[in-house]
Amino acid sequence: MPTFKLPLSGDVVQSINPFTAFMTGGQFGLVNINLGQSSEPKVEADVLSDVASYGKQLGRIGDALIVLLAHFHPRTPLSAQETAAIDALKDMLQKIADVKEKHSRTALRPRAAKPAA
């Protein structure tokens, strides 16, 4: 027996990619999404669709920074401003790890700062 569907009651599938819509001059709903200027919007669109989202890219960069921080031994003492920058990054990476774990994702965490001797 054939399937009978009233108008507007069938399966509706529509892929809406705000990144692609922006790059083609489109609008997403009632909100314009502005991701800034790109020197190569087509390359950026292909990277986002074929390689990794911005979140995935930032996640991998964050994980790599955690590894580098674990093995970082400065030859000269860091200034207060440099130490604050590293501490702020570690704090942000800890909070990101909290969110990942809340969603049952594995997360690298930066090591706690060593106490001054």
PDB file of N, CA and C in Angstrom:
ATOM      1  N   MET A   1       0.841  -1.169   0.000  1.00  0.00           N
ATOM      2  CA  MET A   1       0.000   0.000   0.000  1.00  0.00           C
ATOM      3  C   MET A   1       0.892   1.239   0.000  1.00  0.00           C
ATOM      4  N   PRO A   2       0.629   2.220  -0.866  1.00  0.00           N
ATOM      5  CA  PRO A   2       1.464   3.413  -0.919  1.00  0.00           C
ATOM      6  C   PRO A   2       1.313   4.272   0.337  1.00  0.00           C
ATOM      7  N   THR A   3       2.357   5.013   0.626  1.00  0.00           N
ATOM      8  CA  THR A   3       2.333   5.925   1.759  1.00  0.00           C
ATOM      9  C   THR A   3       1.672   7.223   1.326  1.00  0.00           C
ATOM     10  N   PHE A   4       0.715   7.673   2.129  1.00  0.00           N
ATOM     11  CA  PHE A   4       0.018   8.919   1.825  1.00  0.00           C
ATOM     12  C   PHE A   4       0.472   9.986   2.800  1.00  0.00           C
ATOM     13  N   LYS A   5       0.883  11.140   2.270  1.00  0.00           N
ATOM     14  CA  LYS A   5       1.314  12.242   3.123  1.00  0.00           C
ATOM     15  C   LYS A   5       0.629  13.510   2.664  1.00  0.00           C
ATOM     16  N   LEU A   6       0.134  14.256   3.631  1.00  0.00           N
ATOM     17  CA  LEU A   6      -0.461  15.545   3.333  1.00  0.00           C
ATOM     18  C   LEU A   6       0.635  16.540   2.967  1.00  0.00           C
ATOM     19  N   PRO A   7       0.285  17.631   2.303  1.00  0.00           N
ATOM     20  CA  PRO A   7       1.303  18.648   2.003  1.00  0.00           C
ATOM     21  C   PRO A   7       1.971  19.140   3.290  1.00  0.00           C
ATOM     22  N   LEU A   8       3.243  19.350   3.228  1.00  0.00           N
ATOM     23  CA  LEU A   8       4.079  19.830   4.337  1.00  0.00           C
ATOM     24  C   LEU A   8       4.184  18.849   5.498  1.00  0.00           C
ATOM     25  N   SER A   9       3.810  17.577   5.277  1.00  0.00           N
ATOM     26  CA  SER A   9       3.888  16.621   6.380  1.00  0.00           C
ATOM     27  C   SER A   9       4.957  15.560   6.153  1.00  0.00           C
ATOM     28  N   GLY A  10       5.651  15.605   5.030  1.00  0.00           N
ATOM     29  CA  GLY A  10       6.674  14.610   4.737  1.00  0.00           C
ATOM     30  C   GLY A  10       7.974  14.901   5.444  1.00  0.00           C
ATOM     31  N   ASP A  11       8.921  14.005   5.215  1.00  0.00           N
ATOM     32  CA  ASP A  11      10.246  14.185   5.796  1.00  0.00           C
ATOM     33  C   ASP A  11      10.894  15.424   5.195  1.00  0.00           C
ATOM     34  N   VAL A  12      11.445  16.241   6.048  1.00  0.00           N
ATOM     35  CA  VAL A  12      12.111  17.449   5.590  1.00  0.00           C
ATOM     36  C   VAL A  12      13.548  17.398   6.088  1.00  0.00           C
ATOM     37  N   VAL A  13      14.469  17.442   5.156  1.00  0.00           N
ATOM     38  CA  VAL A  13      15.882  17.455   5.504  1.00  0.00           C
ATOM     39  C   VAL A  13      16.499  18.661   4.825  1.00  0.00           C
ATOM     40  N   GLN A  14      17.075  19.528   5.622  1.00  0.00           N
ATOM     41  CA  GLN A  14      17.720  20.708   5.070  1.00  0.00           C
ATOM     42  C   GLN A  14      18.993  20.955   5.851  1.00  0.00           C
ATOM     43  N   SER A  15      20.106  20.880   5.165  1.00  0.00           N
ATOM     44  CA  SER A  15      21.376  21.172   5.807  1.00  0.00           C
ATOM     45  C   SER A  15      21.604  22.668   5.778  1.00  0.00           C
ATOM     46  N   ILE A  16      21.791  23.232   6.949  1.00  0.00           N
ATOM     47  CA  ILE A  16      22.075  24.653   7.032  1.00  0.00           C
ATOM     48  C   ILE A  16      23.438  24.790   7.668  1.00  0.00           C
ATOM     49  N   ASN A  17      24.367  25.267   6.899  1.00  0.00           N
ATOM     50  CA  ASN A  17      25.716  25.468   7.395  1.00  0.00           C
ATOM     51  C   ASN A  17      25.956  26.971   7.459  1.00  0.00           C
ATOM     52  N   PRO A  18      25.946  27.556   8.664  1.00  0.00           N
ATOM     53  CA  PRO A  18      26.087  29.013   8.754  1.00  0.00           C
ATOM     54  C   PRO A  18      27.409  29.514   8.194  1.00  0.00           C
ATOM     55  N   PHE A  19      28.438  28.668   8.220  1.00  0.00           N
ATOM     56  CA  PHE A  19      29.729  29.097   7.693  1.00  0.00           C
ATOM     57  C   PHE A  19      29.650  29.246   6.179  1.00  0.00           C
ATOM     58  N   THR A  20      29.039  28.252   5.522  1.00  0.00           N
ATOM     59  CA  THR A  20      28.895  28.313   4.072  1.00  0.00           C
ATOM     60  C   THR A  20      27.948  29.434   3.689  1.00  0.00           C
ATOM     61  N   ALA A  21      26.863  29.595   4.444  1.00  0.00           N
ATOM     62  CA  ALA A  21      25.902  30.651   4.132  1.00  0.00           C
ATOM     63  C   ALA A  21      26.566  32.015   4.198  1.00  0.00           C
ATOM     64  N   PHE A  22      27.429  32.193   5.199  1.00  0.00           N
ATOM     65  CA  PHE A  22      28.129  33.472   5.326  1.00  0.00           C
ATOM     66  C   PHE A  22      29.049  33.704   4.137  1.00  0.00           C
ATOM     67  N   MET A  23      29.771  32.671   3.772  1.00  0.00           N
ATOM     68  CA  MET A  23      30.780  32.824   2.733  1.00  0.00           C
ATOM     69  C   MET A  23      30.160  33.027   1.352  1.00  0.00           C
ATOM     70  N   THR A  24      28.902  32.652   1.214  1.00  0.00           N
ATOM     71  CA  THR A  24      28.239  32.852  -0.070  1.00  0.00           C
ATOM     72  C   THR A  24      27.329  34.069  -0.023  1.00  0.00           C
ATOM     73  N   GLY A  25      27.375  34.800   1.062  1.00  0.00           N
ATOM     74  CA  GLY A  25      26.564  36.007   1.183  1.00  0.00           C
ATOM     75  C   GLY A  25      25.158  35.724   1.672  1.00  0.00           C
ATOM     76  N   GLY A  26      24.900  34.488   2.141  1.00  0.00           N
ATOM     77  CA  GLY A  26      23.572  34.126   2.608  1.00  0.00           C
ATOM     78  C   GLY A  26      23.314  34.616   4.011  1.00  0.00           C
ATOM     79  N   GLN A  27      22.118  34.357   4.469  1.00  0.00           N
ATOM     80  CA  GLN A  27      21.736  34.747   5.825  1.00  0.00           C
ATOM     81  C   GLN A  27      21.204  33.516   6.512  1.00  0.00           C
ATOM     82  N   PHE A  28      21.503  33.363   7.785  1.00  0.00           N
ATOM     83  CA  PHE A  28      21.059  32.225   8.574  1.00  0.00           C
ATOM     84  C   PHE A  28      19.940  32.699   9.477  1.00  0.00           C
ATOM     85  N   GLY A  29      18.724  32.308   9.166  1.00  0.00           N
ATOM     86  CA  GLY A  29      17.578  32.750   9.953  1.00  0.00           C
ATOM     87  C   GLY A  29      17.467  34.254   9.926  1.00  0.00           C
ATOM     88  N   LEU A  30      17.236  34.839  11.056  1.00  0.00           N
ATOM     89  CA  LEU A  30      17.120  36.286  11.151  1.00  0.00           C
ATOM     90  C   LEU A  30      18.416  36.934  11.612  1.00  0.00           C
ATOM     91  N   VAL A  31      19.454  36.115  11.779  1.00  0.00           N
ATOM     92  CA  VAL A  31      20.711  36.615  12.328  1.00  0.00           C
ATOM     93  C   VAL A  31      21.811  36.477  11.279  1.00  0.00           C
ATOM     94  N   ASN A  32      22.499  37.556  10.999  1.00  0.00           N
ATOM     95  CA  ASN A  32      23.664  37.481  10.123  1.00  0.00           C
ATOM     96  C   ASN A  32      24.844  37.002  10.947  1.00  0.00           C
ATOM     97  N   ILE A  33      25.537  36.000  10.457  1.00  0.00           N
ATOM     98  CA  ILE A  33      26.711  35.498  11.148  1.00  0.00           C
ATOM     99  C   ILE A  33      27.934  36.047  10.439  1.00  0.00           C
ATOM    100  N   ASN A  34      28.741  36.792  11.160  1.00  0.00           N
ATOM    101  CA  ASN A  34      29.918  37.397  10.584  1.00  0.00           C
ATOM    102  C   ASN A  34      31.140  36.768  11.234  1.00  0.00           C
ATOM    103  N   LEU A  35      31.892  35.991  10.460  1.00  0.00           N
ATOM    104  CA  LEU A  35      33.070  35.321  10.994  1.00  0.00           C
ATOM    105  C   LEU A  35      34.346  36.090  10.702  1.00  0.00           C
ATOM    106  N   GLY A  36      34.201  37.290  10.185  1.00  0.00           N
ATOM    107  CA  GLY A  36      35.379  38.086   9.881  1.00  0.00           C
ATOM    108  C   GLY A  36      35.810  37.883   8.439  1.00  0.00           C
ATOM    109  N   GLN A  37      36.875  38.558   8.098  1.00  0.00           N
ATOM    110  CA  GLN A  37      37.387  38.487   6.732  1.00  0.00           C
ATOM    111  C   GLN A  37      38.252  37.243   6.567  1.00  0.00           C
ATOM    112  N   SER A  38      38.142  36.629   5.414  1.00  0.00           N
ATOM    113  CA  SER A  38      38.997  35.501   5.080  1.00  0.00           C
ATOM    114  C   SER A  38      39.632  35.797   3.732  1.00  0.00           C
ATOM    115  N   SER A  39      40.934  35.586   3.639  1.00  0.00           N
ATOM    116  CA  SER A  39      41.601  35.826   2.359  1.00  0.00           C
ATOM    117  C   SER A  39      41.234  34.749   1.342  1.00  0.00           C
ATOM    118  N   GLU A  40      40.832  33.569   1.820  1.00  0.00           N
ATOM    119  CA  GLU A  40      40.435  32.471   0.942  1.00  0.00           C
ATOM    120  C   GLU A  40      39.198  31.781   1.510  1.00  0.00           C
ATOM    121  N   PRO A  41      38.009  32.364   1.321  1.00  0.00           N
ATOM    122  CA  PRO A  41      36.803  31.779   1.901  1.00  0.00           C
ATOM    123  C   PRO A  41      36.525  30.350   1.439  1.00  0.00           C
ATOM    124  N   LYS A  42      36.874  30.015   0.201  1.00  0.00           N
ATOM    125  CA  LYS A  42      36.616  28.658  -0.292  1.00  0.00           C
ATOM    126  C   LYS A  42      37.508  27.639   0.422  1.00  0.00           C
ATOM    127  N   VAL A  43      38.761  28.026   0.674  1.00  0.00           N
ATOM    128  CA  VAL A  43      39.662  27.137   1.413  1.00  0.00           C
ATOM    129  C   VAL A  43      39.130  26.945   2.829  1.00  0.00           C
ATOM    130  N   GLU A  44      38.735  28.034   3.462  1.00  0.00           N
ATOM    131  CA  GLU A  44      38.203  27.957   4.823  1.00  0.00           C
ATOM    132  C   GLU A  44      36.952  27.087   4.876  1.00  0.00           C
ATOM    133  N   ALA A  45      36.066  27.236   3.903  1.00  0.00           N
ATOM    134  CA  ALA A  45      34.849  26.425   3.850  1.00  0.00           C
ATOM    135  C   ALA A  45      35.191  24.949   3.681  1.00  0.00           C
ATOM    136  N   ASP A  46      36.169  24.640   2.815  1.00  0.00           N
ATOM    137  CA  ASP A  46      36.565  23.245   2.619  1.00  0.00           C
ATOM    138  C   ASP A  46      37.199  22.661   3.877  1.00  0.00           C
ATOM    139  N   VAL A  47      38.028  23.437   4.567  1.00  0.00           N
ATOM    140  CA  VAL A  47      38.634  22.955   5.809  1.00  0.00           C
ATOM    141  C   VAL A  47      37.535  22.660   6.831  1.00  0.00           C
ATOM    142  N   LEU A  48      36.578  23.573   6.964  1.00  0.00           N
ATOM    143  CA  LEU A  48      35.496  23.376   7.935  1.00  0.00           C
ATOM    144  C   LEU A  48      34.634  22.178   7.592  1.00  0.00           C
ATOM    145  N   SER A  49      34.360  21.964   6.318  1.00  0.00           N
ATOM    146  CA  SER A  49      33.468  20.864   5.948  1.00  0.00           C
ATOM    147  C   SER A  49      34.208  19.535   5.814  1.00  0.00           C
ATOM    148  N   ASP A  50      35.482  19.558   5.414  1.00  0.00           N
ATOM    149  CA  ASP A  50      36.187  18.311   5.121  1.00  0.00           C
ATOM    150  C   ASP A  50      37.221  17.896   6.164  1.00  0.00           C
ATOM    151  N   VAL A  51      37.706  18.841   6.969  1.00  0.00           N
ATOM    152  CA  VAL A  51      38.785  18.523   7.906  1.00  0.00           C
ATOM    153  C   VAL A  51      38.292  18.583   9.347  1.00  0.00           C
ATOM    154  N   ALA A  52      37.994  19.780   9.830  1.00  0.00           N
ATOM    155  CA  ALA A  52      37.602  19.914  11.232  1.00  0.00           C
ATOM    156  C   ALA A  52      36.925  21.258  11.473  1.00  0.00           C
ATOM    157  N   SER A  53      35.976  21.260  12.387  1.00  0.00           N
ATOM    158  CA  SER A  53      35.304  22.495  12.786  1.00  0.00           C
ATOM    159  C   SER A  53      36.285  23.366  13.566  1.00  0.00           C
ATOM    160  N   TYR A  54      35.883  24.621  13.804  1.00  0.00           N
ATOM    161  CA  TYR A  54      36.730  25.503  14.608  1.00  0.00           C
ATOM    162  C   TYR A  54      36.954  24.912  15.997  1.00  0.00           C
ATOM    163  N   GLY A  55      35.911  24.332  16.576  1.00  0.00           N
ATOM    164  CA  GLY A  55      36.043  23.737  17.901  1.00  0.00           C
ATOM    165  C   GLY A  55      37.038  22.593  17.921  1.00  0.00           C
ATOM    166  N   LYS A  56      36.982  21.726  16.910  1.00  0.00           N
ATOM    167  CA  LYS A  56      37.922  20.603  16.832  1.00  0.00           C
ATOM    168  C   LYS A  56      39.346  21.118  16.641  1.00  0.00           C
ATOM    169  N   GLN A  57      39.508  22.129  15.779  1.00  0.00           N
ATOM    170  CA  GLN A  57      40.839  22.693  15.563  1.00  0.00           C
ATOM    171  C   GLN A  57      41.384  23.281  16.863  1.00  0.00           C
ATOM    172  N   LEU A  58      40.563  24.068  17.571  1.00  0.00           N
ATOM    173  CA  LEU A  58      41.009  24.676  18.830  1.00  0.00           C
ATOM    174  C   LEU A  58      41.276  23.611  19.891  1.00  0.00           C
ATOM    175  N   GLY A  59      40.473  22.551  19.903  1.00  0.00           N
ATOM    176  CA  GLY A  59      40.682  21.463  20.849  1.00  0.00           C
ATOM    177  C   GLY A  59      42.028  20.790  20.654  1.00  0.00           C
ATOM    178  N   ARG A  60      42.372  20.545  19.402  1.00  0.00           N
ATOM    179  CA  ARG A  60      43.663  19.919  19.112  1.00  0.00           C
ATOM    180  C   ARG A  60      44.816  20.857  19.475  1.00  0.00           C
ATOM    181  N   ILE A  61      44.652  22.140  19.205  1.00  0.00           N
ATOM    182  CA  ILE A  61      45.691  23.112  19.577  1.00  0.00           C
ATOM    183  C   ILE A  61      45.835  23.152  21.093  1.00  0.00           C
ATOM    184  N   GLY A  62      44.705  23.149  21.803  1.00  0.00           N
ATOM    185  CA  GLY A  62      44.747  23.145  23.271  1.00  0.00           C
ATOM    186  C   GLY A  62      45.439  21.914  23.815  1.00  0.00           C
ATOM    187  N   ASP A  63      45.127  20.734  23.243  1.00  0.00           N
ATOM    188  CA  ASP A  63      45.780  19.498  23.687  1.00  0.00           C
ATOM    189  C   ASP A  63      47.284  19.549  23.438  1.00  0.00           C
ATOM    190  N   ALA A  64      47.680  20.085  22.284  1.00  0.00           N
ATOM    191  CA  ALA A  64      49.114  20.203  21.982  1.00  0.00           C
ATOM    192  C   ALA A  64      49.789  21.170  22.960  1.00  0.00           C
ATOM    193  N   LEU A  65      49.111  22.254  23.305  1.00  0.00           N
ATOM    194  CA  LEU A  65      49.678  23.207  24.271  1.00  0.00           C
ATOM    195  C   LEU A  65      49.840  22.565  25.643  1.00  0.00           C
ATOM    196  N   ILE A  66      48.900  21.709  26.039  1.00  0.00           N
ATOM    197  CA  ILE A  66      49.021  21.015  27.327  1.00  0.00           C
ATOM    198  C   ILE A  66      50.285  20.158  27.335  1.00  0.00           C
ATOM    199  N   VAL A  67      50.539  19.453  26.239  1.00  0.00           N
ATOM    200  CA  VAL A  67      51.749  18.632  26.139  1.00  0.00           C
ATOM    201  C   VAL A  67      52.995  19.517  26.207  1.00  0.00           C
ATOM    202  N   LEU A  68      52.986  20.601  25.452  1.00  0.00           N
ATOM    203  CA  LEU A  68      54.154  21.500  25.458  1.00  0.00           C
ATOM    204  C   LEU A  68      54.375  22.130  26.824  1.00  0.00           C
ATOM    205  N   LEU A  69      53.297  22.522  27.501  1.00  0.00           N
ATOM    206  CA  LEU A  69      53.436  23.108  28.837  1.00  0.00           C
ATOM    207  C   LEU A  69      54.013  22.107  29.835  1.00  0.00           C
ATOM    208  N   ALA A  70      53.660  20.829  29.677  1.00  0.00           N
ATOM    209  CA  ALA A  70      54.168  19.808  30.587  1.00  0.00           C
ATOM    210  C   ALA A  70      55.682  19.642  30.458  1.00  0.00           C
ATOM    211  N   HIS A  71      56.216  19.966  29.296  1.00  0.00           N
ATOM    212  CA  HIS A  71      57.649  19.786  29.053  1.00  0.00           C
ATOM    213  C   HIS A  71      58.393  21.118  28.968  1.00  0.00           C
ATOM    214  N   PHE A  72      57.724  22.190  29.352  1.00  0.00           N
ATOM    215  CA  PHE A  72      58.298  23.527  29.252  1.00  0.00           C
ATOM    216  C   PHE A  72      59.140  23.828  30.481  1.00  0.00           C
ATOM    217  N   HIS A  73      60.399  24.116  30.263  1.00  0.00           N
ATOM    218  CA  HIS A  73      61.324  24.475  31.337  1.00  0.00           C
ATOM    219  C   HIS A  73      62.095  25.708  30.863  1.00  0.00           C
ATOM    220  N   PRO A  74      61.631  26.909  31.225  1.00  0.00           N
ATOM    221  CA  PRO A  74      62.287  28.121  30.726  1.00  0.00           C
ATOM    222  C   PRO A  74      63.721  28.236  31.249  1.00  0.00           C
ATOM    223  N   ARG A  75      64.594  28.759  30.387  1.00  0.00           N
ATOM    224  CA  ARG A  75      66.004  28.940  30.775  1.00  0.00           C
ATOM    225  C   ARG A  75      66.168  30.114  31.730  1.00  0.00           C
ATOM    226  N   THR A  76      65.293  31.092  31.593  1.00  0.00           N
ATOM    227  CA  THR A  76      65.307  32.244  32.500  1.00  0.00           C
ATOM    228  C   THR A  76      63.929  32.338  33.142  1.00  0.00           C
ATOM    229  N   PRO A  77      63.860  32.888  34.348  1.00  0.00           N
ATOM    230  CA  PRO A  77      62.566  33.010  35.002  1.00  0.00           C
ATOM    231  C   PRO A  77      61.591  33.852  34.171  1.00  0.00           C
ATOM    232  N   LEU A  78      60.330  33.446  34.222  1.00  0.00           N
ATOM    233  CA  LEU A  78      59.300  34.190  33.512  1.00  0.00           C
ATOM    234  C   LEU A  78      58.956  35.459  34.278  1.00  0.00           C
ATOM    235  N   SER A  79      58.569  36.485  33.541  1.00  0.00           N
ATOM    236  CA  SER A  79      58.109  37.713  34.194  1.00  0.00           C
ATOM    237  C   SER A  79      56.723  37.449  34.786  1.00  0.00           C
ATOM    238  N   ALA A  80      56.284  38.353  35.621  1.00  0.00           N
ATOM    239  CA  ALA A  80      54.953  38.218  36.223  1.00  0.00           C
ATOM    240  C   ALA A  80      53.876  38.183  35.141  1.00  0.00           C
ATOM    241  N   GLN A  81      54.043  39.007  34.110  1.00  0.00           N
ATOM    242  CA  GLN A  81      53.060  39.051  33.020  1.00  0.00           C
ATOM    243  C   GLN A  81      53.061  37.731  32.238  1.00  0.00           C
ATOM    244  N   GLU A  82      54.230  37.168  31.996  1.00  0.00           N
ATOM    245  CA  GLU A  82      54.323  35.891  31.274  1.00  0.00           C
ATOM    246  C   GLU A  82      53.726  34.756  32.104  1.00  0.00           C
ATOM    247  N   THR A  83      54.027  34.762  33.401  1.00  0.00           N
ATOM    248  CA  THR A  83      53.459  33.743  34.285  1.00  0.00           C
ATOM    249  C   THR A  83      51.939  33.848  34.322  1.00  0.00           C
ATOM    250  N   ALA A  84      51.417  35.067  34.382  1.00  0.00           N
ATOM    251  CA  ALA A  84      49.970  35.275  34.390  1.00  0.00           C
ATOM    252  C   ALA A  84      49.334  34.762  33.099  1.00  0.00           C
ATOM    253  N   ALA A  85      50.008  34.973  31.966  1.00  0.00           N
ATOM    254  CA  ALA A  85      49.481  34.496  30.689  1.00  0.00           C
ATOM    255  C   ALA A  85      49.413  32.969  30.665  1.00  0.00           C
ATOM    256  N   ILE A  86      50.459  32.305  31.146  1.00  0.00           N
ATOM    257  CA  ILE A  86      50.476  30.836  31.197  1.00  0.00           C
ATOM    258  C   ILE A  86      49.401  30.336  32.160  1.00  0.00           C
ATOM    259  N   ASP A  87      49.280  30.976  33.335  1.00  0.00           N
ATOM    260  CA  ASP A  87      48.274  30.565  34.317  1.00  0.00           C
ATOM    261  C   ASP A  87      46.854  30.742  33.766  1.00  0.00           C
ATOM    262  N   ALA A  88      46.619  31.826  33.038  1.00  0.00           N
ATOM    263  CA  ALA A  88      45.293  32.055  32.450  1.00  0.00           C
ATOM    264  C   ALA A  88      44.981  30.989  31.404  1.00  0.00           C
ATOM    265  N   LEU A  89      45.971  30.600  30.611  1.00  0.00           N
ATOM    266  CA  LEU A  89      45.776  29.543  29.619  1.00  0.00           C
ATOM    267  C   LEU A  89      45.465  28.224  30.310  1.00  0.00           C
ATOM    268  N   LYS A  90      46.238  27.889  31.342  1.00  0.00           N
ATOM    269  CA  LYS A  90      46.002  26.641  32.073  1.00  0.00           C
ATOM    270  C   LYS A  90      44.610  26.627  32.697  1.00  0.00           C
ATOM    271  N   ASP A  91      44.189  27.764  33.252  1.00  0.00           N
ATOM    272  CA  ASP A  91      42.856  27.865  33.845  1.00  0.00           C
ATOM    273  C   ASP A  91      41.779  27.616  32.788  1.00  0.00           C
ATOM    274  N   MET A  92      41.938  28.228  31.616  1.00  0.00           N
ATOM    275  CA  MET A  92      40.965  28.031  30.543  1.00  0.00           C
ATOM    276  C   MET A  92      40.946  26.569  30.090  1.00  0.00           C
ATOM    277  N   LEU A  93      42.126  25.957  29.953  1.00  0.00           N
ATOM    278  CA  LEU A  93      42.199  24.562  29.527  1.00  0.00           C
ATOM    279  C   LEU A  93      41.581  23.627  30.565  1.00  0.00           C
ATOM    280  N   GLN A  94      41.723  23.964  31.864  1.00  0.00           N
ATOM    281  CA  GLN A  94      41.063  23.179  32.920  1.00  0.00           C
ATOM    282  C   GLN A  94      39.541  23.256  32.775  1.00  0.00           C
ATOM    283  N   LYS A  95      39.028  24.454  32.527  1.00  0.00           N
ATOM    284  CA  LYS A  95      37.586  24.632  32.378  1.00  0.00           C
ATOM    285  C   LYS A  95      37.059  23.913  31.139  1.00  0.00           C
ATOM    286  N   ILE A  96      37.838  23.929  30.062  1.00  0.00           N
ATOM    287  CA  ILE A  96      37.451  23.203  28.850  1.00  0.00           C
ATOM    288  C   ILE A  96      37.410  21.704  29.145  1.00  0.00           C
ATOM    289  N   ALA A  97      38.396  21.197  29.898  1.00  0.00           N
ATOM    290  CA  ALA A  97      38.416  19.780  30.266  1.00  0.00           C
ATOM    291  C   ALA A  97      37.193  19.428  31.110  1.00  0.00           C
ATOM    292  N   ASP A  98      36.788  20.334  32.010  1.00  0.00           N
ATOM    293  CA  ASP A  98      35.578  20.109  32.808  1.00  0.00           C
ATOM    294  C   ASP A  98      34.355  19.936  31.914  1.00  0.00           C
ATOM    295  N   VAL A  99      34.225  20.802  30.924  1.00  0.00           N
ATOM    296  CA  VAL A  99      33.074  20.734  30.008  1.00  0.00           C
ATOM    297  C   VAL A  99      33.121  19.444  29.197  1.00  0.00           C
ATOM    298  N   LYS A 100      34.306  19.088  28.693  1.00  0.00           N
ATOM    299  CA  LYS A 100      34.425  17.855  27.916  1.00  0.00           C
ATOM    300  C   LYS A 100      34.009  16.651  28.755  1.00  0.00           C
ATOM    301  N   GLU A 101      34.496  16.584  29.993  1.00  0.00           N
ATOM    302  CA  GLU A 101      34.174  15.454  30.852  1.00  0.00           C
ATOM    303  C   GLU A 101      32.701  15.435  31.226  1.00  0.00           C
ATOM    304  N   LYS A 102      32.085  16.603  31.348  1.00  0.00           N
ATOM    305  CA  LYS A 102      30.652  16.674  31.628  1.00  0.00           C
ATOM    306  C   LYS A 102      29.857  16.003  30.501  1.00  0.00           C
ATOM    307  N   HIS A 103      30.419  16.038  29.299  1.00  0.00           N
ATOM    308  CA  HIS A 103      29.763  15.437  28.138  1.00  0.00           C
ATOM    309  C   HIS A 103      30.382  14.082  27.779  1.00  0.00           C
ATOM    310  N   SER A 104      31.009  13.441  28.780  1.00  0.00           N
ATOM    311  CA  SER A 104      31.598  12.115  28.637  1.00  0.00           C
ATOM    312  C   SER A 104      32.648  12.031  27.538  1.00  0.00           C
ATOM    313  N   ARG A 105      33.423  13.090  27.392  1.00  0.00           N
ATOM    314  CA  ARG A 105      34.527  13.111  26.432  1.00  0.00           C
ATOM    315  C   ARG A 105      35.833  13.033  27.209  1.00  0.00           C
ATOM    316  N   THR A 106      36.831  12.413  26.616  1.00  0.00           N
ATOM    317  CA  THR A 106      38.132  12.385  27.276  1.00  0.00           C
ATOM    318  C   THR A 106      38.780  13.761  27.152  1.00  0.00           C
ATOM    319  N   ALA A 107      39.562  14.111  28.147  1.00  0.00           N
ATOM    320  CA  ALA A 107      40.152  15.449  28.154  1.00  0.00           C
ATOM    321  C   ALA A 107      41.542  15.404  28.786  1.00  0.00           C
ATOM    322  N   LEU A 108      42.467  16.056  28.130  1.00  0.00           N
ATOM    323  CA  LEU A 108      43.781  16.269  28.728  1.00  0.00           C
ATOM    324  C   LEU A 108      43.671  17.449  29.689  1.00  0.00           C
ATOM    325  N   ARG A 109      44.452  17.406  30.738  1.00  0.00           N
ATOM    326  CA  ARG A 109      44.465  18.517  31.699  1.00  0.00           C
ATOM    327  C   ARG A 109      45.899  18.968  31.905  1.00  0.00           C
ATOM    328  N   PRO A 110      46.075  20.293  31.992  1.00  0.00           N
ATOM    329  CA  PRO A 110      47.434  20.786  32.286  1.00  0.00           C
ATOM    330  C   PRO A 110      47.808  20.397  33.712  1.00  0.00           C
ATOM    331  N   ARG A 111      49.095  20.168  33.913  1.00  0.00           N
ATOM    332  CA  ARG A 111      49.581  19.829  35.259  1.00  0.00           C
ATOM    333  C   ARG A 111      49.486  21.065  36.139  1.00  0.00           C
ATOM    334  N   ALA A 112      49.277  20.812  37.411  1.00  0.00           N
ATOM    335  CA  ALA A 112      49.242  21.927  38.364  1.00  0.00           C
ATOM    336  C   ALA A 112      50.624  22.553  38.439  1.00  0.00           C
ATOM    337  N   ALA A 113      50.636  23.828  38.716  1.00  0.00           N
ATOM    338  CA  ALA A 113      51.919  24.542  38.836  1.00  0.00           C
ATOM    339  C   ALA A 113      52.681  23.984  40.028  1.00  0.00           C
ATOM    340  N   LYS A 114      53.994  23.864  39.869  1.00  0.00           N
ATOM    341  CA  LYS A 114      54.837  23.376  40.963  1.00  0.00           C
ATOM    342  C   LYS A 114      55.008  24.499  41.980  1.00  0.00           C
ATOM    343  N   PRO A 115      54.880  24.169  43.259  1.00  0.00           N
ATOM    344  CA  PRO A 115      55.074  25.197  44.274  1.00  0.00           C
ATOM    345  C   PRO A 115      56.517  25.702  44.280  1.00  0.00           C
ATOM    346  N   ALA A 116      56.686  26.959  44.604  1.00  0.00           N
ATOM    347  CA  ALA A 116      58.035  27.559  44.645  1.00  0.00           C
ATOM    348  C   ALA A 116      58.848  26.894  45.748  1.00  0.00           C
ATOM    349  N   ALA A 117      60.101  26.620  45.465  1.00  0.00           N
ATOM    350  CA  ALA A 117      60.955  25.915  46.437  1.00  0.00           C
ATOM    351  C   ALA A 117      61.464  26.842  47.500  1.00  0.00           C
TER     352      ALA A 117
END
